[in-house]
Amino acid sequence: MISLPPLGPLFRYKSPHTVWEPEPTEMGSSSRKTQVEDLNVEGINKCYFLDFLGPKGFAVDLSQKSPCQVIGFDHRKSSVSKIPSPEDCPENLKFHFDLERSSSNAVYEYFSNELADMKSPNGEAEGLLNPEDRDRIEMVLKYIEDGDLCRWKLPDIKAFNIGLSGWRSKFNSITNPCMYEQVG
């Protein structure tokens, strides 16, 4: 088992394709705008924005007020204005932004690569998924991406999205506090 550094994942509230990520601090779930001061990042080495970048300037503000590395993933055109120019980005802030790829696939690939670079105590590289689960999970991610990017090309993609939308209320850790036990 690899010992991981403390992480602080954040994601867009009620986002079904980010429910598979580590337990989040959910933002956007209240009418009050979340401030950097609302987050307790003490002891956190890396803070991830998964499938959203927060309000404009939020990631920059967090990276300036915290020693942790801030890494954001998003794919929506509406997020382009939230990404500062490279010269305005603090050194501890990095964005993974691609209009042609869903955040769920980008996050999956990022963490798969991060884990592959780590070595277990026996010297072997670890995998994010068991080999018997990999193909199945990667197919689900392809379907999520096809719907997320409004391509609608995969077989039965509309039925998949309708089925997924029926589960949205269960992707809320406030109304379903056992959510992470259920997917874990």
Foldseek 3Di string as FASTA:
>chain_A
DDDDFAEAEEEEALDLLCLLPPDHDYAPPDPDADALVNDDCVRHAEYEYQAADGPAPRQQVNVVVDVHQYEYEHQDPVCPNSDDDPVSHDPSYYYDYHVLWGSSVVVQVVVQVVQQPDADPVGHGDGPDDPVCVVVVVVVRVLVGCVVSVVPDDPCSVVVVVVSVVCSVCSHCVVPVCSVVVSD
